[in-house]
């Protein structure tokens, strides 16, 4: 029965921390865009641009 004297305050403390973190996340716009993160893995990555190498046949400019 004495364990309840410890567990109830600990549970209340954890609950207050969870509620505080939830309101912090809402105030910092963590839940504004719920659709884009789900689509991001499905998008194709843009093709990397290859550097244009000068051909050895072209005369140097300048």
C-alpha atoms as a PDB file:
ATOM      1  CA  UNK A   1       0.000   0.000   0.000  1.00  0.00           C
ATOM      2  CA  UNK A   2       2.923   2.328   0.610  1.00  0.00           C
ATOM      3  CA  UNK A   3       3.978   1.982  -3.023  1.00  0.00           C
ATOM      4  CA  UNK A   4       0.892   4.003  -4.001  1.00  0.00           C
ATOM      5  CA  UNK A   5       2.369   6.946  -2.130  1.00  0.00           C
ATOM      6  CA  UNK A   6       5.225   6.876  -4.651  1.00  0.00           C
ATOM      7  CA  UNK A   7       3.456   5.735  -7.835  1.00  0.00           C
ATOM      8  CA  UNK A   8       0.618   8.265  -7.796  1.00  0.00           C
ATOM      9  CA  UNK A   9       2.885  11.368  -7.638  1.00  0.00           C
ATOM     10  CA  UNK A  10       5.241   9.853 -10.235  1.00  0.00           C
ATOM     11  CA  UNK A  11       2.297   9.171 -12.549  1.00  0.00           C
ATOM     12  CA  UNK A  12       0.984  12.711 -12.104  1.00  0.00           C
ATOM     13  CA  UNK A  13       4.457  14.088 -12.843  1.00  0.00           C
ATOM     14  CA  UNK A  14       4.767  12.007 -16.041  1.00  0.00           C
ATOM     15  CA  UNK A  15       1.292  13.101 -17.120  1.00  0.00           C
ATOM     16  CA  UNK A  16       2.148  16.783 -16.560  1.00  0.00           C
ATOM     17  CA  UNK A  17       5.371  16.425 -18.561  1.00  0.00           C
ATOM     18  CA  UNK A  18       3.493  14.720 -21.428  1.00  0.00           C
ATOM     19  CA  UNK A  19       0.819  17.425 -21.501  1.00  0.00           C
ATOM     20  CA  UNK A  20       3.486  20.133 -21.372  1.00  0.00           C
ATOM     21  CA  UNK A  21       5.398  18.572 -24.277  1.00  0.00           C
ATOM     22  CA  UNK A  22       2.201  18.249 -26.300  1.00  0.00           C
ATOM     23  CA  UNK A  23       1.344  21.928 -25.878  1.00  0.00           C
ATOM     24  CA  UNK A  24       4.962  22.893 -26.640  1.00  0.00           C
ATOM     25  CA  UNK A  25       4.761  20.927 -29.907  1.00  0.00           C
ATOM     26  CA  UNK A  26       1.457  22.549 -30.852  1.00  0.00           C
ATOM     27  CA  UNK A  27       2.798  26.032 -30.148  1.00  0.00           C
ATOM     28  CA  UNK A  28       5.899  25.359 -32.265  1.00  0.00           C
ATOM     29  CA  UNK A  29       3.840  24.304 -35.339  1.00  0.00           C
ATOM     30  CA  UNK A  30       4.870  20.638 -35.200  1.00  0.00           C
ATOM     31  CA  UNK A  31       1.409  19.509 -36.344  1.00  0.00           C
ATOM     32  CA  UNK A  32       0.736  22.066 -39.101  1.00  0.00           C
ATOM     33  CA  UNK A  33       1.536  19.926 -42.151  1.00  0.00           C
ATOM     34  CA  UNK A  34       0.535  16.298 -41.685  1.00  0.00           C
ATOM     35  CA  UNK A  35       0.291  15.353 -45.388  1.00  0.00           C
ATOM     36  CA  UNK A  36       3.669  16.284 -46.901  1.00  0.00           C
ATOM     37  CA  UNK A  37       5.888  14.021 -44.724  1.00  0.00           C
ATOM     38  CA  UNK A  38       3.844  10.999 -45.825  1.00  0.00           C
ATOM     39  CA  UNK A  39       4.376  11.856 -49.499  1.00  0.00           C
ATOM     40  CA  UNK A  40       8.111  12.705 -49.341  1.00  0.00           C
ATOM     41  CA  UNK A  41       9.391   9.075 -49.532  1.00  0.00           C
ATOM     42  CA  UNK A  42       7.328   8.522 -52.684  1.00  0.00           C
ATOM     43  CA  UNK A  43       8.827  11.434 -54.612  1.00  0.00           C
ATOM     44  CA  UNK A  44      11.652  10.802 -57.051  1.00  0.00           C
ATOM     45  CA  UNK A  45      14.961  12.455 -56.384  1.00  0.00           C
ATOM     46  CA  UNK A  46      16.103  14.899 -59.056  1.00  0.00           C
ATOM     47  CA  UNK A  47      18.814  13.544 -61.327  1.00  0.00           C
ATOM     48  CA  UNK A  48      22.248  14.813 -60.303  1.00  0.00           C
ATOM     49  CA  UNK A  49      23.707  17.245 -62.782  1.00  0.00           C
ATOM     50  CA  UNK A  50      26.880  15.948 -64.375  1.00  0.00           C
ATOM     51  CA  UNK A  51      29.675  18.477 -64.735  1.00  0.00           C
ATOM     52  CA  UNK A  52      30.315  19.383 -68.348  1.00  0.00           C
ATOM     53  CA  UNK A  53      33.826  18.302 -69.219  1.00  0.00           C
ATOM     54  CA  UNK A  54      35.664  20.002 -72.056  1.00  0.00           C
ATOM     55  CA  UNK A  55      36.479  17.814 -74.942  1.00  0.00           C
ATOM     56  CA  UNK A  56      40.187  17.515 -75.733  1.00  0.00           C
ATOM     57  CA  UNK A  57      39.351  18.379 -79.357  1.00  0.00           C
ATOM     58  CA  UNK A  58      38.103  21.878 -78.541  1.00  0.00           C
ATOM     59  CA  UNK A  59      40.690  24.624 -78.560  1.00  0.00           C
ATOM     60  CA  UNK A  60      41.135  26.518 -75.281  1.00  0.00           C
ATOM     61  CA  UNK A  61      39.252  29.786 -75.092  1.00  0.00           C
ATOM     62  CA  UNK A  62      41.196  32.929 -74.445  1.00  0.00           C
END
